[in-house]
């Protein structure tokens, strides 16, 4: 796995875009937010607003990059390295979070 923390936005099995902040190897510890839509794809400003609400920002001027999983069922996802900007204890997933 790449350097953590990292944010990833994926088209979830539910059919909606979800943003996760990967902070370790245990998914139950990740902050998550559901955009509650499949289209349109959430914009960069929308993604950055969610990250800010979760207490994170892009690390060192990084930009969102698209990637795909390996295997028979390839799934596209966007990712960006992030860093905390506030006390995480104050950041809670928004209404509609995963």
PDB file of N, CA and C in Angstrom:
ATOM      1  N   UNK A   1       0.852  -1.181   0.000  1.00  0.00           N
ATOM      2  CA  UNK A   1       0.000   0.000   0.000  1.00  0.00           C
ATOM      3  C   UNK A   1       0.892   1.236   0.000  1.00  0.00           C
ATOM      4  N   UNK A   2       0.426   2.271  -0.653  1.00  0.00           N
ATOM      5  CA  UNK A   2       1.195   3.510  -0.734  1.00  0.00           C
ATOM      6  C   UNK A   2       1.253   4.204   0.621  1.00  0.00           C
ATOM      7  N   UNK A   3       1.984   5.303   0.664  1.00  0.00           N
ATOM      8  CA  UNK A   3       2.077   6.077   1.898  1.00  0.00           C
ATOM      9  C   UNK A   3       0.693   6.487   2.376  1.00  0.00           C
ATOM     10  N   UNK A   4       0.495   6.358   3.664  1.00  0.00           N
ATOM     11  CA  UNK A   4      -0.780   6.740   4.250  1.00  0.00           C
ATOM     12  C   UNK A   4      -0.583   7.990   5.091  1.00  0.00           C
ATOM     13  N   UNK A   5      -1.585   8.793   5.276  1.00  0.00           N
ATOM     14  CA  UNK A   5      -2.946   8.583   4.812  1.00  0.00           C
ATOM     15  C   UNK A   5      -3.094   8.925   3.327  1.00  0.00           C
ATOM     16  N   UNK A   6      -4.094   8.313   2.729  1.00  0.00           N
ATOM     17  CA  UNK A   6      -4.422   8.542   1.325  1.00  0.00           C
ATOM     18  C   UNK A   6      -5.935   8.567   1.210  1.00  0.00           C
ATOM     19  N   UNK A   7      -6.449   9.459   0.378  1.00  0.00           N
ATOM     20  CA  UNK A   7      -7.886   9.499   0.121  1.00  0.00           C
ATOM     21  C   UNK A   7      -8.146   8.774  -1.192  1.00  0.00           C
ATOM     22  N   UNK A   8      -9.230   8.026  -1.219  1.00  0.00           N
ATOM     23  CA  UNK A   8      -9.655   7.349  -2.446  1.00  0.00           C
ATOM     24  C   UNK A   8     -11.141   7.560  -2.641  1.00  0.00           C
ATOM     25  N   UNK A   9     -11.509   7.820  -3.881  1.00  0.00           N
ATOM     26  CA  UNK A   9     -12.910   7.938  -4.244  1.00  0.00           C
ATOM     27  C   UNK A   9     -13.211   6.814  -5.217  1.00  0.00           C
ATOM     28  N   UNK A  10     -14.191   5.979  -4.864  1.00  0.00           N
ATOM     29  CA  UNK A  10     -14.525   4.812  -5.670  1.00  0.00           C
ATOM     30  C   UNK A  10     -16.023   4.775  -5.947  1.00  0.00           C
ATOM     31  N   UNK A  11     -16.368   4.137  -7.062  1.00  0.00           N
ATOM     32  CA  UNK A  11     -17.774   3.861  -7.329  1.00  0.00           C
ATOM     33  C   UNK A  11     -18.102   2.590  -6.566  1.00  0.00           C
ATOM     34  N   UNK A  12     -18.781   2.746  -5.459  1.00  0.00           N
ATOM     35  CA  UNK A  12     -19.070   1.671  -4.517  1.00  0.00           C
ATOM     36  C   UNK A  12     -20.048   0.661  -5.131  1.00  0.00           C
ATOM     37  N   UNK A  13     -20.087  -0.527  -4.565  1.00  0.00           N
ATOM     38  CA  UNK A  13     -21.011  -1.568  -5.025  1.00  0.00           C
ATOM     39  C   UNK A  13     -22.464  -1.098  -4.968  1.00  0.00           C
ATOM     40  N   UNK A  14     -22.756  -0.126  -4.117  1.00  0.00           N
ATOM     41  CA  UNK A  14     -24.114   0.424  -4.019  1.00  0.00           C
ATOM     42  C   UNK A  14     -24.474   1.261  -5.241  1.00  0.00           C
ATOM     43  N   UNK A  15     -23.475   1.554  -6.083  1.00  0.00           N
ATOM     44  CA  UNK A  15     -23.728   2.355  -7.278  1.00  0.00           C
ATOM     45  C   UNK A  15     -23.514   3.836  -7.069  1.00  0.00           C
ATOM     46  N   UNK A  16     -23.003   4.235  -5.905  1.00  0.00           N
ATOM     47  CA  UNK A  16     -22.753   5.648  -5.631  1.00  0.00           C
ATOM     48  C   UNK A  16     -21.265   5.871  -5.356  1.00  0.00           C
ATOM     49  N   UNK A  17     -20.816   7.104  -5.588  1.00  0.00           N
ATOM     50  CA  UNK A  17     -19.420   7.454  -5.310  1.00  0.00           C
ATOM     51  C   UNK A  17     -19.220   7.597  -3.810  1.00  0.00           C
ATOM     52  N   UNK A  18     -18.132   7.013  -3.317  1.00  0.00           N
ATOM     53  CA  UNK A  18     -17.774   7.130  -1.904  1.00  0.00           C
ATOM     54  C   UNK A  18     -16.320   7.561  -1.806  1.00  0.00           C
ATOM     55  N   UNK A  19     -16.033   8.399  -0.818  1.00  0.00           N
ATOM     56  CA  UNK A  19     -14.675   8.848  -0.555  1.00  0.00           C
ATOM     57  C   UNK A  19     -14.245   8.268   0.783  1.00  0.00           C
ATOM     58  N   UNK A  20     -13.068   7.648   0.793  1.00  0.00           N
ATOM     59  CA  UNK A  20     -12.496   7.061   2.000  1.00  0.00           C
ATOM     60  C   UNK A  20     -11.163   7.726   2.294  1.00  0.00           C
ATOM     61  N   UNK A  21     -10.839   7.910   3.562  1.00  0.00           N
ATOM     62  CA  UNK A  21      -9.498   8.333   3.965  1.00  0.00           C
ATOM     63  C   UNK A  21      -8.846   7.115   4.595  1.00  0.00           C
ATOM     64  N   UNK A  22      -7.913   6.508   3.858  1.00  0.00           N
ATOM     65  CA  UNK A  22      -7.205   5.321   4.327  1.00  0.00           C
ATOM     66  C   UNK A  22      -6.139   5.774   5.314  1.00  0.00           C
ATOM     67  N   UNK A  23      -6.301   5.376   6.562  1.00  0.00           N
ATOM     68  CA  UNK A  23      -5.361   5.787   7.612  1.00  0.00           C
ATOM     69  C   UNK A  23      -4.557   4.618   8.157  1.00  0.00           C
ATOM     70  N   UNK A  24      -4.887   3.431   7.743  1.00  0.00           N
ATOM     71  CA  UNK A  24      -4.201   2.229   8.188  1.00  0.00           C
ATOM     72  C   UNK A  24      -4.724   1.044   7.412  1.00  0.00           C
ATOM     73  N   UNK A  25      -4.377  -0.130   7.855  1.00  0.00           N
ATOM     74  CA  UNK A  25      -4.762  -1.323   7.118  1.00  0.00           C
ATOM     75  C   UNK A  25      -6.117  -1.876   7.520  1.00  0.00           C
ATOM     76  N   UNK A  26      -6.761  -1.281   8.512  1.00  0.00           N
ATOM     77  CA  UNK A  26      -8.070  -1.734   8.969  1.00  0.00           C
ATOM     78  C   UNK A  26      -9.169  -0.816   8.418  1.00  0.00           C
ATOM     79  N   UNK A  27      -9.928  -1.276   7.421  1.00  0.00           N
ATOM     80  CA  UNK A  27     -10.975  -0.427   6.840  1.00  0.00           C
ATOM     81  C   UNK A  27     -11.976   0.106   7.850  1.00  0.00           C
ATOM     82  N   UNK A  28     -12.202  -0.615   8.944  1.00  0.00           N
ATOM     83  CA  UNK A  28     -13.181  -0.124   9.933  1.00  0.00           C
ATOM     84  C   UNK A  28     -12.731   1.181  10.589  1.00  0.00           C
ATOM     85  N   UNK A  29     -11.442   1.518  10.468  1.00  0.00           N
ATOM     86  CA  UNK A  29     -10.926   2.751  11.052  1.00  0.00           C
ATOM     87  C   UNK A  29     -10.956   3.932  10.079  1.00  0.00           C
ATOM     88  N   UNK A  30     -11.296   3.687   8.816  1.00  0.00           N
ATOM     89  CA  UNK A  30     -11.260   4.748   7.813  1.00  0.00           C
ATOM     90  C   UNK A  30     -12.462   5.668   7.941  1.00  0.00           C
ATOM     91  N   UNK A  31     -12.221   6.966   7.754  1.00  0.00           N
ATOM     92  CA  UNK A  31     -13.333   7.910   7.620  1.00  0.00           C
ATOM     93  C   UNK A  31     -13.909   7.717   6.227  1.00  0.00           C
ATOM     94  N   UNK A  32     -15.200   7.909   6.076  1.00  0.00           N
ATOM     95  CA  UNK A  32     -15.842   7.705   4.781  1.00  0.00           C
ATOM     96  C   UNK A  32     -16.978   8.696   4.594  1.00  0.00           C
ATOM     97  N   UNK A  33     -17.255   8.992   3.326  1.00  0.00           N
ATOM     98  CA  UNK A  33     -18.358   9.873   2.975  1.00  0.00           C
ATOM     99  C   UNK A  33     -18.986   9.372   1.683  1.00  0.00           C
ATOM    100  N   UNK A  34     -20.303   9.330   1.640  1.00  0.00           N
ATOM    101  CA  UNK A  34     -21.023   8.936   0.433  1.00  0.00           C
ATOM    102  C   UNK A  34     -21.579  10.182  -0.251  1.00  0.00           C
ATOM    103  N   UNK A  35     -21.294  10.294  -1.543  1.00  0.00           N
ATOM    104  CA  UNK A  35     -21.839  11.409  -2.317  1.00  0.00           C
ATOM    105  C   UNK A  35     -23.286  11.154  -2.730  1.00  0.00           C
ATOM    106  N   UNK A  36     -23.783   9.927  -2.528  1.00  0.00           N
ATOM    107  CA  UNK A  36     -25.168   9.554  -2.829  1.00  0.00           C
ATOM    108  C   UNK A  36     -25.563   9.803  -4.278  1.00  0.00           C
ATOM    109  N   UNK A  37     -24.606   9.623  -5.195  1.00  0.00           N
ATOM    110  CA  UNK A  37     -24.904   9.742  -6.620  1.00  0.00           C
ATOM    111  C   UNK A  37     -23.895   8.916  -7.412  1.00  0.00           C
ATOM    112  N   UNK A  38     -24.304   8.526  -8.608  1.00  0.00           N
ATOM    113  CA  UNK A  38     -23.392   7.856  -9.524  1.00  0.00           C
ATOM    114  C   UNK A  38     -22.948   8.831 -10.609  1.00  0.00           C
ATOM    115  N   UNK A  39     -23.831   9.749 -10.944  1.00  0.00           N
ATOM    116  CA  UNK A  39     -23.526  10.774 -11.943  1.00  0.00           C
ATOM    117  C   UNK A  39     -24.081  12.094 -11.448  1.00  0.00           C
ATOM    118  N   UNK A  40     -23.396  13.159 -11.706  1.00  0.00           N
ATOM    119  CA  UNK A  40     -22.069  13.226 -12.306  1.00  0.00           C
ATOM    120  C   UNK A  40     -20.997  12.806 -11.294  1.00  0.00           C
ATOM    121  N   UNK A  41     -19.798  12.528 -11.799  1.00  0.00           N
ATOM    122  CA  UNK A  41     -18.669  12.202 -10.939  1.00  0.00           C
ATOM    123  C   UNK A  41     -18.376  13.438 -10.087  1.00  0.00           C
ATOM    124  N   UNK A  42     -18.233  13.291  -8.776  1.00  0.00           N
ATOM    125  CA  UNK A  42     -17.937  14.457  -7.925  1.00  0.00           C
ATOM    126  C   UNK A  42     -16.695  15.206  -8.422  1.00  0.00           C
ATOM    127  N   UNK A  43     -16.796  16.510  -8.432  1.00  0.00           N
ATOM    128  CA  UNK A  43     -15.711  17.359  -8.923  1.00  0.00           C
ATOM    129  C   UNK A  43     -14.572  17.429  -7.906  1.00  0.00           C
ATOM    130  N   UNK A  44     -13.435  17.908  -8.370  1.00  0.00           N
ATOM    131  CA  UNK A  44     -12.293  18.079  -7.471  1.00  0.00           C
ATOM    132  C   UNK A  44     -12.656  19.014  -6.311  1.00  0.00           C
ATOM    133  N   UNK A  45     -13.294  20.177  -6.562  1.00  0.00           N
ATOM    134  CA  UNK A  45     -13.668  21.026  -5.413  1.00  0.00           C
ATOM    135  C   UNK A  45     -14.615  20.326  -4.432  1.00  0.00           C
ATOM    136  N   UNK A  46     -15.547  19.508  -4.927  1.00  0.00           N
ATOM    137  CA  UNK A  46     -16.436  18.771  -4.025  1.00  0.00           C
ATOM    138  C   UNK A  46     -15.643  17.768  -3.184  1.00  0.00           C
ATOM    139  N   UNK A  47     -14.707  17.063  -3.808  1.00  0.00           N
ATOM    140  CA  UNK A  47     -13.873  16.098  -3.078  1.00  0.00           C
ATOM    141  C   UNK A  47     -13.034  16.800  -2.020  1.00  0.00           C
ATOM    142  N   UNK A  48     -12.460  17.955  -2.386  1.00  0.00           N
ATOM    143  CA  UNK A  48     -11.614  18.682  -1.443  1.00  0.00           C
ATOM    144  C   UNK A  48     -12.434  19.220  -0.272  1.00  0.00           C
ATOM    145  N   UNK A  49     -13.671  19.626  -0.526  1.00  0.00           N
ATOM    146  CA  UNK A  49     -14.545  20.095   0.556  1.00  0.00           C
ATOM    147  C   UNK A  49     -14.843  18.964   1.535  1.00  0.00           C
ATOM    148  N   UNK A  50     -15.073  17.763   1.020  1.00  0.00           N
ATOM    149  CA  UNK A  50     -15.314  16.606   1.884  1.00  0.00           C
ATOM    150  C   UNK A  50     -14.059  16.312   2.706  1.00  0.00           C
ATOM    151  N   UNK A  51     -12.903  16.318   2.063  1.00  0.00           N
ATOM    152  CA  UNK A  51     -11.654  16.080   2.801  1.00  0.00           C
ATOM    153  C   UNK A  51     -11.490  17.096   3.925  1.00  0.00           C
ATOM    154  N   UNK A  52     -11.744  18.363   3.627  1.00  0.00           N
ATOM    155  CA  UNK A  52     -11.607  19.410   4.642  1.00  0.00           C
ATOM    156  C   UNK A  52     -12.564  19.150   5.808  1.00  0.00           C
ATOM    157  N   UNK A  53     -13.798  18.748   5.501  1.00  0.00           N
ATOM    158  CA  UNK A  53     -14.764  18.466   6.555  1.00  0.00           C
ATOM    159  C   UNK A  53     -14.335  17.277   7.410  1.00  0.00           C
ATOM    160  N   UNK A  54     -13.572  16.360   6.813  1.00  0.00           N
ATOM    161  CA  UNK A  54     -13.071  15.205   7.543  1.00  0.00           C
ATOM    162  C   UNK A  54     -11.750  15.492   8.246  1.00  0.00           C
ATOM    163  N   UNK A  55     -11.205  16.712   8.061  1.00  0.00           N
ATOM    164  CA  UNK A  55      -9.980  17.107   8.743  1.00  0.00           C
ATOM    165  C   UNK A  55      -8.703  16.811   7.972  1.00  0.00           C
ATOM    166  N   UNK A  56      -8.787  16.738   6.637  1.00  0.00           N
ATOM    167  CA  UNK A  56      -7.623  16.424   5.799  1.00  0.00           C
ATOM    168  C   UNK A  56      -7.497  17.401   4.642  1.00  0.00           C
ATOM    169  N   UNK A  57      -6.292  17.459   4.066  1.00  0.00           N
ATOM    170  CA  UNK A  57      -6.043  18.223   2.858  1.00  0.00           C
ATOM    171  C   UNK A  57      -5.008  17.483   2.027  1.00  0.00           C
ATOM    172  N   UNK A  58      -4.885  17.869   0.752  1.00  0.00           N
ATOM    173  CA  UNK A  58      -3.893  17.250  -0.125  1.00  0.00           C
ATOM    174  C   UNK A  58      -2.500  17.485   0.440  1.00  0.00           C
ATOM    175  N   UNK A  59      -1.654  16.477   0.343  1.00  0.00           N
ATOM    176  CA  UNK A  59      -0.293  16.564   0.860  1.00  0.00           C
ATOM    177  C   UNK A  59       0.631  17.164  -0.187  1.00  0.00           C
ATOM    178  N   UNK A  60       1.333  18.236   0.172  1.00  0.00           N
ATOM    179  CA  UNK A  60       2.392  18.798  -0.656  1.00  0.00           C
ATOM    180  C   UNK A  60       2.003  19.147  -2.073  1.00  0.00           C
ATOM    181  N   UNK A  61       0.844  19.710  -2.288  1.00  0.00           N
ATOM    182  CA  UNK A  61       0.433  20.119  -3.629  1.00  0.00           C
ATOM    183  C   UNK A  61       0.051  18.961  -4.532  1.00  0.00           C
ATOM    184  N   UNK A  62      -0.202  17.799  -3.962  1.00  0.00           N
ATOM    185  CA  UNK A  62      -0.574  16.626  -4.764  1.00  0.00           C
ATOM    186  C   UNK A  62      -1.903  16.863  -5.480  1.00  0.00           C
ATOM    187  N   UNK A  63      -2.095  16.148  -6.576  1.00  0.00           N
ATOM    188  CA  UNK A  63      -3.328  16.225  -7.353  1.00  0.00           C
ATOM    189  C   UNK A  63      -3.974  14.848  -7.418  1.00  0.00           C
ATOM    190  N   UNK A  64      -5.278  14.829  -7.681  1.00  0.00           N
ATOM    191  CA  UNK A  64      -6.007  13.575  -7.824  1.00  0.00           C
ATOM    192  C   UNK A  64      -5.498  12.832  -9.052  1.00  0.00           C
ATOM    193  N   UNK A  65      -5.279  11.530  -8.906  1.00  0.00           N
ATOM    194  CA  UNK A  65      -4.866  10.652 -10.002  1.00  0.00           C
ATOM    195  C   UNK A  65      -5.865   9.509 -10.105  1.00  0.00           C
ATOM    196  N   UNK A  66      -6.159   9.101 -11.337  1.00  0.00           N
ATOM    197  CA  UNK A  66      -7.036   7.958 -11.548  1.00  0.00           C
ATOM    198  C   UNK A  66      -6.195   6.703 -11.668  1.00  0.00           C
ATOM    199  N   UNK A  67      -6.704   5.603 -11.118  1.00  0.00           N
ATOM    200  CA  UNK A  67      -6.023   4.311 -11.137  1.00  0.00           C
ATOM    201  C   UNK A  67      -7.109   3.235 -11.263  1.00  0.00           C
ATOM    202  N   UNK A  68      -6.692   1.977 -11.336  1.00  0.00           N
ATOM    203  CA  UNK A  68      -7.654   0.882 -11.434  1.00  0.00           C
ATOM    204  C   UNK A  68      -7.150  -0.302 -10.633  1.00  0.00           C
ATOM    205  N   UNK A  69      -8.090  -1.073 -10.118  1.00  0.00           N
ATOM    206  CA  UNK A  69      -7.725  -2.299  -9.428  1.00  0.00           C
ATOM    207  C   UNK A  69      -7.268  -3.326 -10.460  1.00  0.00           C
ATOM    208  N   UNK A  70      -6.612  -4.356 -10.001  1.00  0.00           N
ATOM    209  CA  UNK A  70      -6.191  -5.436 -10.891  1.00  0.00           C
ATOM    210  C   UNK A  70      -7.202  -6.565 -10.810  1.00  0.00           C
ATOM    211  N   UNK A  71      -7.091  -7.521 -11.683  1.00  0.00           N
ATOM    212  CA  UNK A  71      -7.983  -8.671 -11.660  1.00  0.00           C
ATOM    213  C   UNK A  71      -9.033  -8.597 -12.747  1.00  0.00           C
ATOM    214  N   UNK A  72      -9.917  -9.576 -12.725  1.00  0.00           N
ATOM    215  CA  UNK A  72     -10.942  -9.702 -13.767  1.00  0.00           C
ATOM    216  C   UNK A  72     -11.948  -8.549 -13.749  1.00  0.00           C
ATOM    217  N   UNK A  73     -12.297  -8.071 -12.568  1.00  0.00           N
ATOM    218  CA  UNK A  73     -13.273  -6.973 -12.456  1.00  0.00           C
ATOM    219  C   UNK A  73     -12.542  -5.686 -12.095  1.00  0.00           C
ATOM    220  N   UNK A  74     -11.949  -5.058 -13.091  1.00  0.00           N
ATOM    221  CA  UNK A  74     -11.217  -3.810 -12.845  1.00  0.00           C
ATOM    222  C   UNK A  74     -12.194  -2.708 -12.460  1.00  0.00           C
ATOM    223  N   UNK A  75     -11.821  -1.959 -11.401  1.00  0.00           N
ATOM    224  CA  UNK A  75     -12.634  -0.829 -10.956  1.00  0.00           C
ATOM    225  C   UNK A  75     -11.764   0.404 -10.913  1.00  0.00           C
ATOM    226  N   UNK A  76     -12.245   1.473 -11.499  1.00  0.00           N
ATOM    227  CA  UNK A  76     -11.529   2.739 -11.486  1.00  0.00           C
ATOM    228  C   UNK A  76     -11.708   3.415 -10.125  1.00  0.00           C
ATOM    229  N   UNK A  77     -10.662   4.131  -9.706  1.00  0.00           N
ATOM    230  CA  UNK A  77     -10.773   4.938  -8.500  1.00  0.00           C
ATOM    231  C   UNK A  77      -9.813   6.119  -8.624  1.00  0.00           C
ATOM    232  N   UNK A  78     -10.146   7.189  -7.921  1.00  0.00           N
ATOM    233  CA  UNK A  78      -9.286   8.373  -7.864  1.00  0.00           C
ATOM    234  C   UNK A  78      -8.595   8.357  -6.510  1.00  0.00           C
ATOM    235  N   UNK A  79      -7.336   8.801  -6.473  1.00  0.00           N
ATOM    236  CA  UNK A  79      -6.607   8.808  -5.203  1.00  0.00           C
ATOM    237  C   UNK A  79      -5.733  10.046  -5.097  1.00  0.00           C
ATOM    238  N   UNK A  80      -5.431  10.411  -3.855  1.00  0.00           N
ATOM    239  CA  UNK A  80      -4.580  11.563  -3.581  1.00  0.00           C
ATOM    240  C   UNK A  80      -3.962  11.371  -2.189  1.00  0.00           C
ATOM    241  N   UNK A  81      -2.663  11.642  -2.042  1.00  0.00           N
ATOM    242  CA  UNK A  81      -2.078  11.593  -0.698  1.00  0.00           C
ATOM    243  C   UNK A  81      -2.579  12.785   0.114  1.00  0.00           C
ATOM    244  N   UNK A  82      -2.897  12.551   1.380  1.00  0.00           N
ATOM    245  CA  UNK A  82      -3.449  13.606   2.236  1.00  0.00           C
ATOM    246  C   UNK A  82      -2.703  13.653   3.559  1.00  0.00           C
ATOM    247  N   UNK A  83      -2.961  14.736   4.290  1.00  0.00           N
ATOM    248  CA  UNK A  83      -2.403  14.885   5.634  1.00  0.00           C
ATOM    249  C   UNK A  83      -3.475  15.515   6.510  1.00  0.00           C
ATOM    250  N   UNK A  84      -3.453  15.200   7.802  1.00  0.00           N
ATOM    251  CA  UNK A  84      -4.443  15.804   8.701  1.00  0.00           C
ATOM    252  C   UNK A  84      -4.149  17.288   8.892  1.00  0.00           C
ATOM    253  N   UNK A  85      -5.205  18.076   9.008  1.00  0.00           N
ATOM    254  CA  UNK A  85      -5.048  19.514   9.238  1.00  0.00           C
ATOM    255  C   UNK A  85      -5.679  19.947  10.545  1.00  0.00           C
ATOM    256  N   UNK A  86      -6.366  19.042  11.209  1.00  0.00           N
ATOM    257  CA  UNK A  86      -7.037  19.391  12.465  1.00  0.00           C
ATOM    258  C   UNK A  86      -7.061  18.149  13.345  1.00  0.00           C
ATOM    259  N   UNK A  87      -7.451  18.354  14.571  1.00  0.00           N
ATOM    260  CA  UNK A  87      -7.618  17.248  15.498  1.00  0.00           C
ATOM    261  C   UNK A  87      -8.677  16.305  14.940  1.00  0.00           C
ATOM    262  N   UNK A  88      -8.299  15.077  14.613  1.00  0.00           N
ATOM    263  CA  UNK A  88      -9.235  14.126  14.009  1.00  0.00           C
ATOM    264  C   UNK A  88     -10.379  13.778  14.933  1.00  0.00           C
ATOM    265  N   UNK A  89     -10.205  13.967  16.217  1.00  0.00           N
ATOM    266  CA  UNK A  89     -11.301  13.636  17.122  1.00  0.00           C
ATOM    267  C   UNK A  89     -12.491  14.561  16.893  1.00  0.00           C
ATOM    268  N   UNK A  90     -12.226  15.732  16.304  1.00  0.00           N
ATOM    269  CA  UNK A  90     -13.304  16.675  16.023  1.00  0.00           C
ATOM    270  C   UNK A  90     -13.963  16.400  14.682  1.00  0.00           C
ATOM    271  N   UNK A  91     -13.297  15.629  13.821  1.00  0.00           N
ATOM    272  CA  UNK A  91     -13.829  15.351  12.490  1.00  0.00           C
ATOM    273  C   UNK A  91     -14.690  14.092  12.543  1.00  0.00           C
ATOM    274  N   UNK A  92     -15.916  14.221  12.093  1.00  0.00           N
ATOM    275  CA  UNK A  92     -16.798  13.069  12.025  1.00  0.00           C
ATOM    276  C   UNK A  92     -17.372  12.983  10.615  1.00  0.00           C
ATOM    277  N   UNK A  93     -17.643  11.791  10.143  1.00  0.00           N
ATOM    278  CA  UNK A  93     -18.242  11.667   8.809  1.00  0.00           C
ATOM    279  C   UNK A  93     -19.553  12.437   8.744  1.00  0.00           C
ATOM    280  N   UNK A  94     -19.816  12.984   7.581  1.00  0.00           N
ATOM    281  CA  UNK A  94     -21.044  13.759   7.364  1.00  0.00           C
ATOM    282  C   UNK A  94     -22.245  12.840   7.337  1.00  0.00           C
ATOM    283  N   UNK A  95     -23.427  13.441   7.406  1.00  0.00           N
ATOM    284  CA  UNK A  95     -24.651  12.674   7.191  1.00  0.00           C
ATOM    285  C   UNK A  95     -24.555  12.063   5.800  1.00  0.00           C
ATOM    286  N   UNK A  96     -24.912  10.849   5.673  1.00  0.00           N
ATOM    287  CA  UNK A  96     -24.795  10.168   4.397  1.00  0.00           C
ATOM    288  C   UNK A  96     -23.490   9.414   4.271  1.00  0.00           C
ATOM    289  N   UNK A  97     -22.686   9.403   5.330  1.00  0.00           N
ATOM    290  CA  UNK A  97     -21.407   8.701   5.287  1.00  0.00           C
ATOM    291  C   UNK A  97     -21.645   7.213   5.184  1.00  0.00           C
ATOM    292  N   UNK A  98     -20.605   6.543   4.734  1.00  0.00           N
ATOM    293  CA  UNK A  98     -20.706   5.098   4.488  1.00  0.00           C
ATOM    294  C   UNK A  98     -21.083   4.326   5.718  1.00  0.00           C
TER     295      UNK A  98
END
